[in-house]
Amino acid sequence: MIQLKKGEIERIINCDAPQSVEYIITGTIGILKEEGLINDLIMCYIQELDISLTLYKNNSLSLKESDNIKSAQEILMNKILNGIDA
């Protein structure tokens, strides 16, 4: 099982724009592919990241940070439903 790298959630939450969120997610997926991981393991990683974002609890989230979480979840759900390369 692939584990989230330390600080990955925070990197997504602290992005400046939704495009940065997408860049982080697609970049990480690209790195996992380069490391030779099969699509099933990458999909497990995507699902784990989605669940971690859903469960992320912080009462002091700004509107931008909340938007970054929503944006990331939309990107991840698209990949879950349509495949890793979607």
Protein backbone atom coordinates (compact mmCIF):
# COMPACT_ATOMS: atom_id res chain seq x y z
CA MET A 1 0.00 0.00 0.00
CA ILE A 2 1.24 3.46 -0.83
CA GLN A 3 1.27 5.94 2.01
CA LEU A 4 0.79 9.64 1.65
CA LYS A 5 4.00 11.59 1.92
CA LYS A 6 4.33 13.79 4.95
CA GLY A 7 2.99 17.24 4.22
CA GLU A 8 1.10 16.27 1.05
CA ILE A 9 -2.27 17.38 2.44
CA GLU A 10 -0.77 20.66 3.62
CA ARG A 11 0.82 21.28 0.20
CA ILE A 12 -2.60 20.95 -1.42
CA ILE A 13 -4.36 23.08 1.19
CA ASN A 14 -1.79 25.87 0.97
CA CYS A 15 -1.83 26.24 -2.84
CA ASP A 16 -2.32 29.67 -4.36
CA ALA A 17 -4.79 28.59 -7.06
CA PRO A 18 -6.82 25.59 -8.23
CA GLN A 19 -4.32 25.11 -11.07
CA SER A 20 -1.60 24.59 -8.46
CA VAL A 21 -3.72 21.91 -6.78
CA GLU A 22 -4.08 20.09 -10.08
CA TYR A 23 -0.35 20.46 -10.76
CA ILE A 24 0.52 18.85 -7.42
CA ILE A 25 -1.87 15.94 -7.94
CA THR A 26 -0.86 15.22 -11.53
CA GLY A 27 2.81 15.65 -10.66
CA THR A 28 2.57 13.12 -7.87
CA ILE A 29 0.77 10.66 -10.13
CA GLY A 30 3.49 11.16 -12.76
CA ILE A 31 6.19 10.42 -10.19
CA LEU A 32 4.39 7.25 -9.10
CA LYS A 33 4.19 6.12 -12.75
CA GLU A 34 7.90 6.82 -13.24
CA GLU A 35 8.63 4.70 -10.18
CA GLY A 36 6.91 1.82 -11.98
CA LEU A 37 3.77 1.53 -9.91
CA ILE A 38 0.83 -0.14 -11.57
CA ASN A 39 -2.41 1.76 -12.10
CA ASP A 40 -4.23 -0.20 -9.39
CA LEU A 41 -1.74 0.98 -6.75
CA ILE A 42 -1.90 4.53 -8.04
CA MET A 43 -5.69 4.39 -7.83
CA CYS A 44 -5.38 3.25 -4.19
CA TYR A 45 -3.16 6.28 -3.58
CA ILE A 46 -5.73 8.58 -5.21
CA GLN A 47 -8.50 7.13 -3.05
CA GLU A 48 -6.40 7.45 0.11
CA LEU A 49 -5.66 11.09 -0.71
CA ASP A 50 -9.36 11.75 -1.32
CA ILE A 51 -10.34 10.17 1.99
CA SER A 52 -7.60 12.07 3.84
CA LEU A 53 -8.87 15.36 2.42
CA THR A 54 -12.43 14.48 3.38
CA LEU A 55 -11.39 13.68 6.94
CA TYR A 56 -9.08 16.68 7.29
CA LYS A 57 -10.35 18.64 10.25
CA ASN A 58 -9.17 22.12 10.99
CA ASN A 59 -11.48 24.78 12.35
CA SER A 60 -9.23 27.57 11.19
CA LEU A 61 -9.37 26.89 7.45
CA SER A 62 -9.66 29.98 5.31
CA LEU A 63 -12.02 30.18 2.35
CA LYS A 64 -9.06 29.66 -0.01
CA GLU A 65 -7.97 26.56 1.86
CA SER A 66 -11.49 25.14 1.81
CA ASP A 67 -11.69 25.85 -1.92
CA ASN A 68 -8.38 24.03 -2.44
CA ILE A 69 -9.76 20.97 -0.68
CA LYS A 70 -12.91 21.07 -2.81
CA SER A 71 -10.87 21.51 -5.97
CA ALA A 72 -8.60 18.61 -5.08
CA GLN A 73 -11.57 16.38 -4.32
CA GLU A 74 -13.14 17.21 -7.70
CA ILE A 75 -9.89 16.35 -9.49
CA LEU A 76 -9.49 13.12 -7.53
CA MET A 77 -13.11 12.07 -8.09
CA ASN A 78 -12.67 12.65 -11.83
CA LYS A 79 -9.64 10.36 -11.78
CA ILE A 80 -11.49 7.74 -9.73
CA LEU A 81 -14.44 7.74 -12.12
CA ASN A 82 -12.63 8.23 -15.43
CA GLY A 83 -9.20 6.72 -14.87
CA ILE A 84 -5.82 7.96 -13.78
CA ASP A 85 -5.05 9.77 -17.02
CA ALA A 86 -8.33 11.73 -17.02
